[in-house]
Amino acid sequence: MQYTIPEITDGRAKIQWSDGSWTYLDLSSDMTEADLDDMVLQLVPPHLKTGTAPSFLSEGATRTAAEKPAPVDPRPAWQIARQNAYGGAESQIEYITENGLEAWQTKVAQIKADNPKS
């Protein structure tokens, strides 16, 4: 997507597209050409963007707006419950550091007992 910079004033560039639409962009002395081009790409007006329609969509189609379903976690419920109970690696290391390895092993055994493999 080509653009023109017709003016730069007080650290702001006027960005103008081929159809005459424009916006202003704040500049910084440490930005690179790639930074500028990426920032301008994010500002391209929707009517100038090009792309490809998905295969399920055709002109004249009537659709119903709907909320996207939440993704389904493929892991078994016992595994999800165990991982939630264990916590992240940092919290596990902190637990071991504060309570000792034996206490952690006891906690793991309890987590496994509370959430048996199905």
PDB file of N, CA and C in Angstrom:
ATOM      1  N   MET A   1       0.858  -1.172   0.000  1.00  0.00           N
ATOM      2  CA  MET A   1       0.000   0.000   0.000  1.00  0.00           C
ATOM      3  C   MET A   1       0.899   1.228   0.000  1.00  0.00           C
ATOM      4  N   GLN A   2       0.846   1.980  -1.062  1.00  0.00           N
ATOM      5  CA  GLN A   2       1.667   3.174  -1.151  1.00  0.00           C
ATOM      6  C   GLN A   2       0.985   4.345  -0.458  1.00  0.00           C
ATOM      7  N   TYR A   3       1.834   5.206   0.103  1.00  0.00           N
ATOM      8  CA  TYR A   3       1.343   6.414   0.752  1.00  0.00           C
ATOM      9  C   TYR A   3       2.336   7.535   0.503  1.00  0.00           C
ATOM     10  N   THR A   4       1.864   8.752   0.733  1.00  0.00           N
ATOM     11  CA  THR A   4       2.689   9.938   0.561  1.00  0.00           C
ATOM     12  C   THR A   4       2.717  10.711   1.867  1.00  0.00           C
ATOM     13  N   ILE A   5       3.830  11.374   2.108  1.00  0.00           N
ATOM     14  CA  ILE A   5       3.938  12.241   3.284  1.00  0.00           C
ATOM     15  C   ILE A   5       4.035  13.671   2.768  1.00  0.00           C
ATOM     16  N   PRO A   6       2.890  14.366   2.658  1.00  0.00           N
ATOM     17  CA  PRO A   6       2.900  15.715   2.107  1.00  0.00           C
ATOM     18  C   PRO A   6       3.443  16.780   3.058  1.00  0.00           C
ATOM     19  N   GLU A   7       3.462  16.476   4.371  1.00  0.00           N
ATOM     20  CA  GLU A   7       3.994  17.470   5.313  1.00  0.00           C
ATOM     21  C   GLU A   7       4.435  16.801   6.612  1.00  0.00           C
ATOM     22  N   ILE A   8       5.433  17.418   7.234  1.00  0.00           N
ATOM     23  CA  ILE A   8       5.898  17.008   8.565  1.00  0.00           C
ATOM     24  C   ILE A   8       5.988  18.280   9.394  1.00  0.00           C
ATOM     25  N   THR A   9       5.237  18.305  10.501  1.00  0.00           N
ATOM     26  CA  THR A   9       5.208  19.479  11.362  1.00  0.00           C
ATOM     27  C   THR A   9       5.244  19.041  12.814  1.00  0.00           C
ATOM     28  N   ASP A  10       6.159  19.612  13.590  1.00  0.00           N
ATOM     29  CA  ASP A  10       6.241  19.364  15.024  1.00  0.00           C
ATOM     30  C   ASP A  10       6.228  17.872  15.372  1.00  0.00           C
ATOM     31  N   GLY A  11       7.001  17.082  14.630  1.00  0.00           N
ATOM     32  CA  GLY A  11       7.100  15.660  14.939  1.00  0.00           C
ATOM     33  C   GLY A  11       5.888  14.835  14.530  1.00  0.00           C
ATOM     34  N   ARG A  12       5.052  15.393  13.688  1.00  0.00           N
ATOM     35  CA  ARG A  12       3.876  14.668  13.184  1.00  0.00           C
ATOM     36  C   ARG A  12       3.913  14.684  11.667  1.00  0.00           C
ATOM     37  N   ALA A  13       3.676  13.524  11.077  1.00  0.00           N
ATOM     38  CA  ALA A  13       3.644  13.427   9.627  1.00  0.00           C
ATOM     39  C   ALA A  13       2.208  13.257   9.169  1.00  0.00           C
ATOM     40  N   LYS A  14       1.873  13.962   8.118  1.00  0.00           N
ATOM     41  CA  LYS A  14       0.567  13.754   7.482  1.00  0.00           C
ATOM     42  C   LYS A  14       0.758  12.600   6.495  1.00  0.00           C
ATOM     43  N   ILE A  15      -0.040  11.569   6.651  1.00  0.00           N
ATOM     44  CA  ILE A  15       0.020  10.396   5.794  1.00  0.00           C
ATOM     45  C   ILE A  15      -1.177  10.469   4.861  1.00  0.00           C
ATOM     46  N   GLN A  16      -0.921  10.399   3.542  1.00  0.00           N
ATOM     47  CA  GLN A  16      -2.010  10.501   2.571  1.00  0.00           C
ATOM     48  C   GLN A  16      -1.975   9.291   1.642  1.00  0.00           C
ATOM     49  N   TRP A  17      -3.169   8.711   1.409  1.00  0.00           N
ATOM     50  CA  TRP A  17      -3.300   7.554   0.537  1.00  0.00           C
ATOM     51  C   TRP A  17      -3.777   7.976  -0.846  1.00  0.00           C
ATOM     52  N   SER A  18      -3.776   7.041  -1.762  1.00  0.00           N
ATOM     53  CA  SER A  18      -4.066   7.311  -3.177  1.00  0.00           C
ATOM     54  C   SER A  18      -5.444   7.926  -3.421  1.00  0.00           C
ATOM     55  N   ASP A  19      -6.406   7.670  -2.557  1.00  0.00           N
ATOM     56  CA  ASP A  19      -7.756   8.226  -2.766  1.00  0.00           C
ATOM     57  C   ASP A  19      -7.933   9.599  -2.134  1.00  0.00           C
ATOM     58  N   GLY A  20      -6.852  10.142  -1.554  1.00  0.00           N
ATOM     59  CA  GLY A  20      -6.919  11.467  -0.937  1.00  0.00           C
ATOM     60  C   GLY A  20      -7.213  11.442   0.550  1.00  0.00           C
ATOM     61  N   SER A  21      -7.585  10.284   1.099  1.00  0.00           N
ATOM     62  CA  SER A  21      -7.821  10.209   2.542  1.00  0.00           C
ATOM     63  C   SER A  21      -6.474  10.355   3.253  1.00  0.00           C
ATOM     64  N   TRP A  22      -6.521  10.847   4.493  1.00  0.00           N
ATOM     65  CA  TRP A  22      -5.282  11.115   5.207  1.00  0.00           C
ATOM     66  C   TRP A  22      -5.467  11.001   6.702  1.00  0.00           C
ATOM     67  N   THR A  23      -4.347  10.951   7.406  1.00  0.00           N
ATOM     68  CA  THR A  23      -4.319  10.976   8.864  1.00  0.00           C
ATOM     69  C   THR A  23      -2.968  11.529   9.287  1.00  0.00           C
ATOM     70  N   TYR A  24      -2.815  11.761  10.565  1.00  0.00           N
ATOM     71  CA  TYR A  24      -1.528  12.196  11.100  1.00  0.00           C
ATOM     72  C   TYR A  24      -0.926  11.072  11.923  1.00  0.00           C
ATOM     73  N   LEU A  25       0.404  11.018  11.926  1.00  0.00           N
ATOM     74  CA  LEU A  25       1.137   9.995  12.655  1.00  0.00           C
ATOM     75  C   LEU A  25       2.242  10.670  13.454  1.00  0.00           C
ATOM     76  N   ASP A  26       2.301  10.382  14.757  1.00  0.00           N
ATOM     77  CA  ASP A  26       3.371  10.910  15.597  1.00  0.00           C
ATOM     78  C   ASP A  26       4.669  10.181  15.269  1.00  0.00           C
ATOM     79  N   LEU A  27       5.733  10.939  15.113  1.00  0.00           N
ATOM     80  CA  LEU A  27       7.038  10.388  14.764  1.00  0.00           C
ATOM     81  C   LEU A  27       7.957  10.414  15.984  1.00  0.00           C
ATOM     82  N   SER A  28       9.031   9.619  15.911  1.00  0.00           N
ATOM     83  CA  SER A  28      10.064   9.687  16.934  1.00  0.00           C
ATOM     84  C   SER A  28      11.416   9.560  16.250  1.00  0.00           C
ATOM     85  N   SER A  29      12.430  10.168  16.837  1.00  0.00           N
ATOM     86  CA  SER A  29      13.740  10.199  16.194  1.00  0.00           C
ATOM     87  C   SER A  29      14.393   8.825  16.096  1.00  0.00           C
ATOM     88  N   ASP A  30      13.959   7.879  16.916  1.00  0.00           N
ATOM     89  CA  ASP A  30      14.584   6.554  16.891  1.00  0.00           C
ATOM     90  C   ASP A  30      13.835   5.548  16.007  1.00  0.00           C
ATOM     91  N   MET A  31      12.779   5.979  15.324  1.00  0.00           N
ATOM     92  CA  MET A  31      12.044   5.016  14.501  1.00  0.00           C
ATOM     93  C   MET A  31      12.817   4.719  13.224  1.00  0.00           C
ATOM     94  N   THR A  32      12.633   3.512  12.733  1.00  0.00           N
ATOM     95  CA  THR A  32      13.269   3.091  11.491  1.00  0.00           C
ATOM     96  C   THR A  32      12.255   3.192  10.353  1.00  0.00           C
ATOM     97  N   GLU A  33      12.737   2.994   9.137  1.00  0.00           N
ATOM     98  CA  GLU A  33      11.827   2.989   7.990  1.00  0.00           C
ATOM     99  C   GLU A  33      10.800   1.871   8.141  1.00  0.00           C
ATOM    100  N   ALA A  34      11.258   0.710   8.631  1.00  0.00           N
ATOM    101  CA  ALA A  34      10.346  -0.421   8.836  1.00  0.00           C
ATOM    102  C   ALA A  34       9.296  -0.080   9.885  1.00  0.00           C
ATOM    103  N   ASP A  35       9.704   0.630  10.955  1.00  0.00           N
ATOM    104  CA  ASP A  35       8.741   1.053  11.980  1.00  0.00           C
ATOM    105  C   ASP A  35       7.670   1.948  11.359  1.00  0.00           C
ATOM    106  N   LEU A  36       8.106   2.905  10.560  1.00  0.00           N
ATOM    107  CA  LEU A  36       7.176   3.839   9.938  1.00  0.00           C
ATOM    108  C   LEU A  36       6.202   3.097   9.018  1.00  0.00           C
ATOM    109  N   ASP A  37       6.745   2.251   8.143  1.00  0.00           N
ATOM    110  CA  ASP A  37       5.875   1.525   7.210  1.00  0.00           C
ATOM    111  C   ASP A  37       4.880   0.633   7.947  1.00  0.00           C
ATOM    112  N   ASP A  38       5.314  -0.006   9.028  1.00  0.00           N
ATOM    113  CA  ASP A  38       4.417  -0.867   9.800  1.00  0.00           C
ATOM    114  C   ASP A  38       3.317  -0.045  10.470  1.00  0.00           C
ATOM    115  N   MET A  39       3.694   1.104  11.040  1.00  0.00           N
ATOM    116  CA  MET A  39       2.695   1.950  11.699  1.00  0.00           C
ATOM    117  C   MET A  39       1.674   2.461  10.684  1.00  0.00           C
ATOM    118  N   VAL A  40       2.137   2.844   9.503  1.00  0.00           N
ATOM    119  CA  VAL A  40       1.224   3.337   8.472  1.00  0.00           C
ATOM    120  C   VAL A  40       0.300   2.206   8.010  1.00  0.00           C
ATOM    121  N   LEU A  41       0.836   1.000   7.869  1.00  0.00           N
ATOM    122  CA  LEU A  41       0.007  -0.136   7.467  1.00  0.00           C
ATOM    123  C   LEU A  41      -1.152  -0.347   8.432  1.00  0.00           C
ATOM    124  N   GLN A  42      -0.905  -0.135   9.724  1.00  0.00           N
ATOM    125  CA  GLN A  42      -1.962  -0.299  10.721  1.00  0.00           C
ATOM    126  C   GLN A  42      -3.049   0.771  10.578  1.00  0.00           C
ATOM    127  N   LEU A  43      -2.716   1.878   9.908  1.00  0.00           N
ATOM    128  CA  LEU A  43      -3.652   2.995   9.775  1.00  0.00           C
ATOM    129  C   LEU A  43      -4.391   3.028   8.436  1.00  0.00           C
ATOM    130  N   VAL A  44      -4.081   2.113   7.527  1.00  0.00           N
ATOM    131  CA  VAL A  44      -4.721   2.130   6.203  1.00  0.00           C
ATOM    132  C   VAL A  44      -6.238   2.056   6.369  1.00  0.00           C
ATOM    133  N   PRO A  45      -6.972   2.966   5.725  1.00  0.00           N
ATOM    134  CA  PRO A  45      -8.436   2.927   5.821  1.00  0.00           C
ATOM    135  C   PRO A  45      -8.978   1.598   5.288  1.00  0.00           C
ATOM    136  N   PRO A  46     -10.010   1.066   5.924  1.00  0.00           N
ATOM    137  CA  PRO A  46     -10.552  -0.235   5.518  1.00  0.00           C
ATOM    138  C   PRO A  46     -10.919  -0.327   4.040  1.00  0.00           C
ATOM    139  N   HIS A  47     -11.418   0.758   3.457  1.00  0.00           N
ATOM    140  CA  HIS A  47     -11.845   0.696   2.057  1.00  0.00           C
ATOM    141  C   HIS A  47     -10.671   0.581   1.080  1.00  0.00           C
ATOM    142  N   LEU A  48      -9.436   0.783   1.565  1.00  0.00           N
ATOM    143  CA  LEU A  48      -8.270   0.657   0.691  1.00  0.00           C
ATOM    144  C   LEU A  48      -7.541  -0.678   0.874  1.00  0.00           C
ATOM    145  N   LYS A  49      -7.943  -1.428   1.878  1.00  0.00           N
ATOM    146  CA  LYS A  49      -7.280  -2.711   2.128  1.00  0.00           C
ATOM    147  C   LYS A  49      -7.754  -3.742   1.118  1.00  0.00           C
ATOM    148  N   THR A  50      -6.863  -4.630   0.750  1.00  0.00           N
ATOM    149  CA  THR A  50      -7.213  -5.709  -0.165  1.00  0.00           C
ATOM    150  C   THR A  50      -6.978  -7.036   0.526  1.00  0.00           C
ATOM    151  N   GLY A  51      -7.655  -8.037   0.073  1.00  0.00           N
ATOM    152  CA  GLY A  51      -7.503  -9.357   0.666  1.00  0.00           C
ATOM    153  C   GLY A  51      -8.333 -10.364  -0.112  1.00  0.00           C
ATOM    154  N   THR A  52      -8.490 -11.531   0.445  1.00  0.00           N
ATOM    155  CA  THR A  52      -9.229 -12.602  -0.199  1.00  0.00           C
ATOM    156  C   THR A  52     -10.370 -13.027   0.709  1.00  0.00           C
ATOM    157  N   ALA A  53     -11.524 -13.223   0.123  1.00  0.00           N
ATOM    158  CA  ALA A  53     -12.683 -13.672   0.903  1.00  0.00           C
ATOM    159  C   ALA A  53     -12.511 -15.142   1.264  1.00  0.00           C
ATOM    160  N   PRO A  54     -12.976 -15.541   2.440  1.00  0.00           N
ATOM    161  CA  PRO A  54     -12.922 -16.962   2.795  1.00  0.00           C
ATOM    162  C   PRO A  54     -13.831 -17.771   1.877  1.00  0.00           C
ATOM    163  N   SER A  55     -13.515 -19.041   1.702  1.00  0.00           N
ATOM    164  CA  SER A  55     -14.249 -19.891   0.755  1.00  0.00           C
ATOM    165  C   SER A  55     -15.724 -20.066   1.117  1.00  0.00           C
ATOM    166  N   PHE A  56     -16.094 -19.906   2.377  1.00  0.00           N
ATOM    167  CA  PHE A  56     -17.490 -20.100   2.784  1.00  0.00           C
ATOM    168  C   PHE A  56     -18.366 -18.883   2.496  1.00  0.00           C
ATOM    169  N   LEU A  57     -17.778 -17.781   2.028  1.00  0.00           N
ATOM    170  CA  LEU A  57     -18.521 -16.538   1.871  1.00  0.00           C
ATOM    171  C   LEU A  57     -18.668 -16.171   0.400  1.00  0.00           C
ATOM    172  N   SER A  58     -19.881 -15.762   0.024  1.00  0.00           N
ATOM    173  CA  SER A  58     -20.112 -15.309  -1.346  1.00  0.00           C
ATOM    174  C   SER A  58     -20.978 -14.056  -1.317  1.00  0.00           C
ATOM    175  N   GLU A  59     -20.943 -13.300  -2.406  1.00  0.00           N
ATOM    176  CA  GLU A  59     -21.758 -12.088  -2.492  1.00  0.00           C
ATOM    177  C   GLU A  59     -23.228 -12.458  -2.414  1.00  0.00           C
ATOM    178  N   GLY A  60     -23.997 -11.673  -1.700  1.00  0.00           N
ATOM    179  CA  GLY A  60     -25.423 -11.908  -1.565  1.00  0.00           C
ATOM    180  C   GLY A  60     -25.783 -12.856  -0.433  1.00  0.00           C
ATOM    181  N   ALA A  61     -24.772 -13.405   0.235  1.00  0.00           N
ATOM    182  CA  ALA A  61     -25.034 -14.342   1.333  1.00  0.00           C
ATOM    183  C   ALA A  61     -25.689 -13.609   2.498  1.00  0.00           C
ATOM    184  N   THR A  62     -26.626 -14.268   3.150  1.00  0.00           N
ATOM    185  CA  THR A  62     -27.250 -13.744   4.362  1.00  0.00           C
ATOM    186  C   THR A  62     -26.745 -14.575   5.520  1.00  0.00           C
ATOM    187  N   ARG A  63     -26.237 -13.894   6.529  1.00  0.00           N
ATOM    188  CA  ARG A  63     -25.662 -14.591   7.676  1.00  0.00           C
ATOM    189  C   ARG A  63     -26.230 -14.007   8.956  1.00  0.00           C
ATOM    190  N   THR A  64     -26.066 -14.698  10.057  1.00  0.00           N
ATOM    191  CA  THR A  64     -26.518 -14.224  11.355  1.00  0.00           C
ATOM    192  C   THR A  64     -25.297 -13.976  12.227  1.00  0.00           C
ATOM    193  N   ALA A  65     -25.190 -12.775  12.772  1.00  0.00           N
ATOM    194  CA  ALA A  65     -24.072 -12.448  13.657  1.00  0.00           C
ATOM    195  C   ALA A  65     -24.213 -13.273  14.926  1.00  0.00           C
ATOM    196  N   ALA A  66     -23.115 -13.836  15.375  1.00  0.00           N
ATOM    197  CA  ALA A  66     -23.136 -14.679  16.574  1.00  0.00           C
ATOM    198  C   ALA A  66     -21.787 -14.624  17.263  1.00  0.00           C
ATOM    199  N   GLU A  67     -21.817 -14.843  18.549  1.00  0.00           N
ATOM    200  CA  GLU A  67     -20.594 -14.880  19.329  1.00  0.00           C
ATOM    201  C   GLU A  67     -19.802 -16.137  18.964  1.00  0.00           C
ATOM    202  N   LYS A  68     -18.503 -15.984  18.852  1.00  0.00           N
ATOM    203  CA  LYS A  68     -17.650 -17.120  18.515  1.00  0.00           C
ATOM    204  C   LYS A  68     -17.599 -18.068  19.711  1.00  0.00           C
ATOM    205  N   PRO A  69     -17.799 -19.372  19.485  1.00  0.00           N
ATOM    206  CA  PRO A  69     -17.750 -20.307  20.608  1.00  0.00           C
ATOM    207  C   PRO A  69     -16.354 -20.354  21.228  1.00  0.00           C
ATOM    208  N   ALA A  70     -16.328 -20.567  22.517  1.00  0.00           N
ATOM    209  CA  ALA A  70     -15.042 -20.680  23.216  1.00  0.00           C
ATOM    210  C   ALA A  70     -14.316 -21.923  22.714  1.00  0.00           C
ATOM    211  N   PRO A  71     -12.991 -21.828  22.562  1.00  0.00           N
ATOM    212  CA  PRO A  71     -12.256 -23.002  22.105  1.00  0.00           C
ATOM    213  C   PRO A  71     -12.358 -24.131  23.122  1.00  0.00           C
ATOM    214  N   VAL A  72     -12.407 -25.349  22.620  1.00  0.00           N
ATOM    215  CA  VAL A  72     -12.499 -26.521  23.480  1.00  0.00           C
ATOM    216  C   VAL A  72     -11.086 -27.013  23.758  1.00  0.00           C
ATOM    217  N   ASP A  73     -10.771 -27.165  25.031  1.00  0.00           N
ATOM    218  CA  ASP A  73      -9.455 -27.668  25.424  1.00  0.00           C
ATOM    219  C   ASP A  73      -9.444 -29.173  25.194  1.00  0.00           C
ATOM    220  N   PRO A  74      -8.510 -29.671  24.381  1.00  0.00           N
ATOM    221  CA  PRO A  74      -8.505 -31.094  24.050  1.00  0.00           C
ATOM    222  C   PRO A  74      -7.987 -31.994  25.180  1.00  0.00           C
ATOM    223  N   ARG A  75      -7.410 -31.379  26.204  1.00  0.00           N
ATOM    224  CA  ARG A  75      -6.859 -32.187  27.299  1.00  0.00           C
ATOM    225  C   ARG A  75      -7.989 -32.763  28.152  1.00  0.00           C
ATOM    226  N   PRO A  76      -7.758 -33.937  28.759  1.00  0.00           N
ATOM    227  CA  PRO A  76      -8.773 -34.486  29.665  1.00  0.00           C
ATOM    228  C   PRO A  76      -8.934 -33.588  30.900  1.00  0.00           C
ATOM    229  N   ALA A  77     -10.116 -33.629  31.500  1.00  0.00           N
ATOM    230  CA  ALA A  77     -10.438 -32.762  32.641  1.00  0.00           C
ATOM    231  C   ALA A  77      -9.460 -32.951  33.801  1.00  0.00           C
ATOM    232  N   TRP A  78      -9.046 -34.199  34.077  1.00  0.00           N
ATOM    233  CA  TRP A  78      -8.136 -34.434  35.190  1.00  0.00           C
ATOM    234  C   TRP A  78      -6.801 -33.730  34.966  1.00  0.00           C
ATOM    235  N   GLN A  79      -6.339 -33.687  33.714  1.00  0.00           N
ATOM    236  CA  GLN A  79      -5.058 -33.047  33.412  1.00  0.00           C
ATOM    237  C   GLN A  79      -5.156 -31.530  33.577  1.00  0.00           C
ATOM    238  N   ILE A  80      -6.255 -30.958  33.117  1.00  0.00           N
ATOM    239  CA  ILE A  80      -6.468 -29.519  33.277  1.00  0.00           C
ATOM    240  C   ILE A  80      -6.497 -29.166  34.759  1.00  0.00           C
ATOM    241  N   ALA A  81      -7.254 -29.950  35.546  1.00  0.00           N
ATOM    242  CA  ALA A  81      -7.366 -29.686  36.981  1.00  0.00           C
ATOM    243  C   ALA A  81      -6.007 -29.794  37.666  1.00  0.00           C
ATOM    244  N   ARG A  82      -5.226 -30.808  37.313  1.00  0.00           N
ATOM    245  CA  ARG A  82      -3.897 -30.965  37.912  1.00  0.00           C
ATOM    246  C   ARG A  82      -2.999 -29.782  37.568  1.00  0.00           C
ATOM    247  N   GLN A  83      -2.964 -29.409  36.294  1.00  0.00           N
ATOM    248  CA  GLN A  83      -2.094 -28.307  35.894  1.00  0.00           C
ATOM    249  C   GLN A  83      -2.505 -27.004  36.563  1.00  0.00           C
ATOM    250  N   ASN A  84      -3.787 -26.780  36.726  1.00  0.00           N
ATOM    251  CA  ASN A  84      -4.245 -25.584  37.442  1.00  0.00           C
ATOM    252  C   ASN A  84      -3.822 -25.631  38.900  1.00  0.00           C
ATOM    253  N   ALA A  85      -3.908 -26.814  39.510  1.00  0.00           N
ATOM    254  CA  ALA A  85      -3.533 -26.958  40.923  1.00  0.00           C
ATOM    255  C   ALA A  85      -2.028 -26.825  41.125  1.00  0.00           C
ATOM    256  N   TYR A  86      -1.238 -27.336  40.186  1.00  0.00           N
ATOM    257  CA  TYR A  86       0.218 -27.224  40.309  1.00  0.00           C
ATOM    258  C   TYR A  86       0.673 -25.772  40.228  1.00  0.00           C
ATOM    259  N   GLY A  87       0.020 -24.994  39.370  1.00  0.00           N
ATOM    260  CA  GLY A  87       0.460 -23.623  39.146  1.00  0.00           C
ATOM    261  C   GLY A  87       1.606 -23.604  38.146  1.00  0.00           C
ATOM    262  N   GLY A  88       2.104 -22.434  37.876  1.00  0.00           N
ATOM    263  CA  GLY A  88       3.205 -22.283  36.928  1.00  0.00           C
ATOM    264  C   GLY A  88       4.531 -22.719  37.536  1.00  0.00           C
ATOM    265  N   ALA A  89       5.533 -22.803  36.683  1.00  0.00           N
ATOM    266  CA  ALA A  89       6.858 -23.247  37.116  1.00  0.00           C
ATOM    267  C   ALA A  89       7.411 -22.353  38.236  1.00  0.00           C
ATOM    268  N   GLU A  90       7.218 -21.051  38.123  1.00  0.00           N
ATOM    269  CA  GLU A  90       7.738 -20.130  39.142  1.00  0.00           C
ATOM    270  C   GLU A  90       7.094 -20.393  40.499  1.00  0.00           C
ATOM    271  N   SER A  91       5.776 -20.595  40.508  1.00  0.00           N
ATOM    272  CA  SER A  91       5.110 -20.827  41.792  1.00  0.00           C
ATOM    273  C   SER A  91       5.509 -22.185  42.373  1.00  0.00           C
ATOM    274  N   GLN A  92       5.768 -23.175  41.514  1.00  0.00           N
ATOM    275  CA  GLN A  92       6.219 -24.479  42.006  1.00  0.00           C
ATOM    276  C   GLN A  92       7.598 -24.371  42.638  1.00  0.00           C
ATOM    277  N   ILE A  93       8.497 -23.652  41.977  1.00  0.00           N
ATOM    278  CA  ILE A  93       9.848 -23.467  42.526  1.00  0.00           C
ATOM    279  C   ILE A  93       9.779 -22.687  43.836  1.00  0.00           C
ATOM    280  N   GLU A  94       8.936 -21.677  43.876  1.00  0.00           N
ATOM    281  CA  GLU A  94       8.782 -20.892  45.104  1.00  0.00           C
ATOM    282  C   GLU A  94       8.260 -21.770  46.240  1.00  0.00           C
ATOM    283  N   TYR A  95       7.296 -22.633  45.947  1.00  0.00           N
ATOM    284  CA  TYR A  95       6.748 -23.529  46.969  1.00  0.00           C
ATOM    285  C   TYR A  95       7.834 -24.450  47.508  1.00  0.00           C
ATOM    286  N   ILE A  96       8.628 -25.025  46.596  1.00  0.00           N
ATOM    287  CA  ILE A  96       9.707 -25.929  47.014  1.00  0.00           C
ATOM    288  C   ILE A  96      10.734 -25.177  47.847  1.00  0.00           C
ATOM    289  N   THR A  97      11.081 -23.966  47.418  1.00  0.00           N
ATOM    290  CA  THR A  97      12.067 -23.158  48.142  1.00  0.00           C
ATOM    291  C   THR A  97      11.583 -22.823  49.541  1.00  0.00           C
ATOM    292  N   GLU A  98      10.315 -22.476  49.672  1.00  0.00           N
ATOM    293  CA  GLU A  98       9.781 -22.065  50.963  1.00  0.00           C
ATOM    294  C   GLU A  98       9.396 -23.229  51.869  1.00  0.00           C
ATOM    295  N   ASN A  99       8.991 -24.372  51.269  1.00  0.00           N
ATOM    296  CA  ASN A  99       8.452 -25.473  52.071  1.00  0.00           C
ATOM    297  C   ASN A  99       9.261 -26.762  52.001  1.00  0.00           C
ATOM    298  N   GLY A 100      10.176 -26.845  51.058  1.00  0.00           N
ATOM    299  CA  GLY A 100      10.993 -28.038  50.916  1.00  0.00           C
ATOM    300  C   GLY A 100      10.425 -29.007  49.893  1.00  0.00           C
ATOM    301  N   LEU A 101      11.322 -29.883  49.397  1.00  0.00           N
ATOM    302  CA  LEU A 101      10.938 -30.828  48.354  1.00  0.00           C
ATOM    303  C   LEU A 101       9.930 -31.859  48.857  1.00  0.00           C
ATOM    304  N   GLU A 102      10.095 -32.319  50.097  1.00  0.00           N
ATOM    305  CA  GLU A 102       9.160 -33.316  50.630  1.00  0.00           C
ATOM    306  C   GLU A 102       7.747 -32.761  50.720  1.00  0.00           C
ATOM    307  N   ALA A 103       7.622 -31.502  51.134  1.00  0.00           N
ATOM    308  CA  ALA A 103       6.296 -30.875  51.213  1.00  0.00           C
ATOM    309  C   ALA A 103       5.683 -30.775  49.810  1.00  0.00           C
ATOM    310  N   TRP A 104       6.519 -30.454  48.826  1.00  0.00           N
ATOM    311  CA  TRP A 104       6.027 -30.378  47.454  1.00  0.00           C
ATOM    312  C   TRP A 104       5.576 -31.748  46.968  1.00  0.00           C
ATOM    313  N   GLN A 105       6.340 -32.777  47.264  1.00  0.00           N
ATOM    314  CA  GLN A 105       5.959 -34.129  46.858  1.00  0.00           C
ATOM    315  C   GLN A 105       4.640 -34.543  47.509  1.00  0.00           C
ATOM    316  N   THR A 106       4.437 -34.144  48.754  1.00  0.00           N
ATOM    317  CA  THR A 106       3.179 -34.435  49.439  1.00  0.00           C
ATOM    318  C   THR A 106       2.031 -33.700  48.750  1.00  0.00           C
ATOM    319  N   LYS A 107       2.277 -32.436  48.398  1.00  0.00           N
ATOM    320  CA  LYS A 107       1.250 -31.641  47.715  1.00  0.00           C
ATOM    321  C   LYS A 107       0.912 -32.264  46.357  1.00  0.00           C
ATOM    322  N   VAL A 108       1.910 -32.698  45.607  1.00  0.00           N
ATOM    323  CA  VAL A 108       1.686 -33.318  44.298  1.00  0.00           C
ATOM    324  C   VAL A 108       0.863 -34.592  44.456  1.00  0.00           C
ATOM    325  N   ALA A 109       1.200 -35.389  45.460  1.00  0.00           N
ATOM    326  CA  ALA A 109       0.451 -36.630  45.698  1.00  0.00           C
ATOM    327  C   ALA A 109      -1.015 -36.321  45.993  1.00  0.00           C
ATOM    328  N   GLN A 110      -1.281 -35.250  46.755  1.00  0.00           N
ATOM    329  CA  GLN A 110      -2.654 -34.865  47.074  1.00  0.00           C
ATOM    330  C   GLN A 110      -3.385 -34.376  45.816  1.00  0.00           C
ATOM    331  N   ILE A 111      -2.682 -33.591  45.002  1.00  0.00           N
ATOM    332  CA  ILE A 111      -3.284 -33.104  43.754  1.00  0.00           C
ATOM    333  C   ILE A 111      -3.670 -34.286  42.870  1.00  0.00           C
ATOM    334  N   LYS A 112      -2.779 -35.275  42.773  1.00  0.00           N
ATOM    335  CA  LYS A 112      -3.070 -36.454  41.947  1.00  0.00           C
ATOM    336  C   LYS A 112      -4.222 -37.266  42.538  1.00  0.00           C
ATOM    337  N   ALA A 113      -4.283 -37.362  43.865  1.00  0.00           N
ATOM    338  CA  ALA A 113      -5.376 -38.096  44.510  1.00  0.00           C
ATOM    339  C   ALA A 113      -6.716 -37.388  44.294  1.00  0.00           C
ATOM    340  N   ASP A 114      -6.680 -36.044  44.345  1.00  0.00           N
ATOM    341  CA  ASP A 114      -7.902 -35.257  44.138  1.00  0.00           C
ATOM    342  C   ASP A 114      -8.361 -35.248  42.680  1.00  0.00           C
ATOM    343  N   ASN A 115      -7.437 -35.495  41.757  1.00  0.00           N
ATOM    344  CA  ASN A 115      -7.736 -35.438  40.327  1.00  0.00           C
ATOM    345  C   ASN A 115      -7.193 -36.688  39.631  1.00  0.00           C
ATOM    346  N   PRO A 116      -7.784 -37.843  39.907  1.00  0.00           N
ATOM    347  CA  PRO A 116      -7.258 -39.101  39.339  1.00  0.00           C
ATOM    348  C   PRO A 116      -7.444 -39.160  37.826  1.00  0.00           C
ATOM    349  N   LYS A 117      -6.544 -39.889  37.184  1.00  0.00           N
ATOM    350  CA  LYS A 117      -6.687 -40.105  35.732  1.00  0.00           C
ATOM    351  C   LYS A 117      -7.958 -40.904  35.508  1.00  0.00           C
ATOM    352  N   SER A 118      -8.683 -40.546  34.469  1.00  0.00           N
ATOM    353  CA  SER A 118      -9.925 -41.269  34.190  1.00  0.00           C
ATOM    354  C   SER A 118      -9.687 -42.415  33.249  1.00  0.00           C
TER     355      SER A 118
END
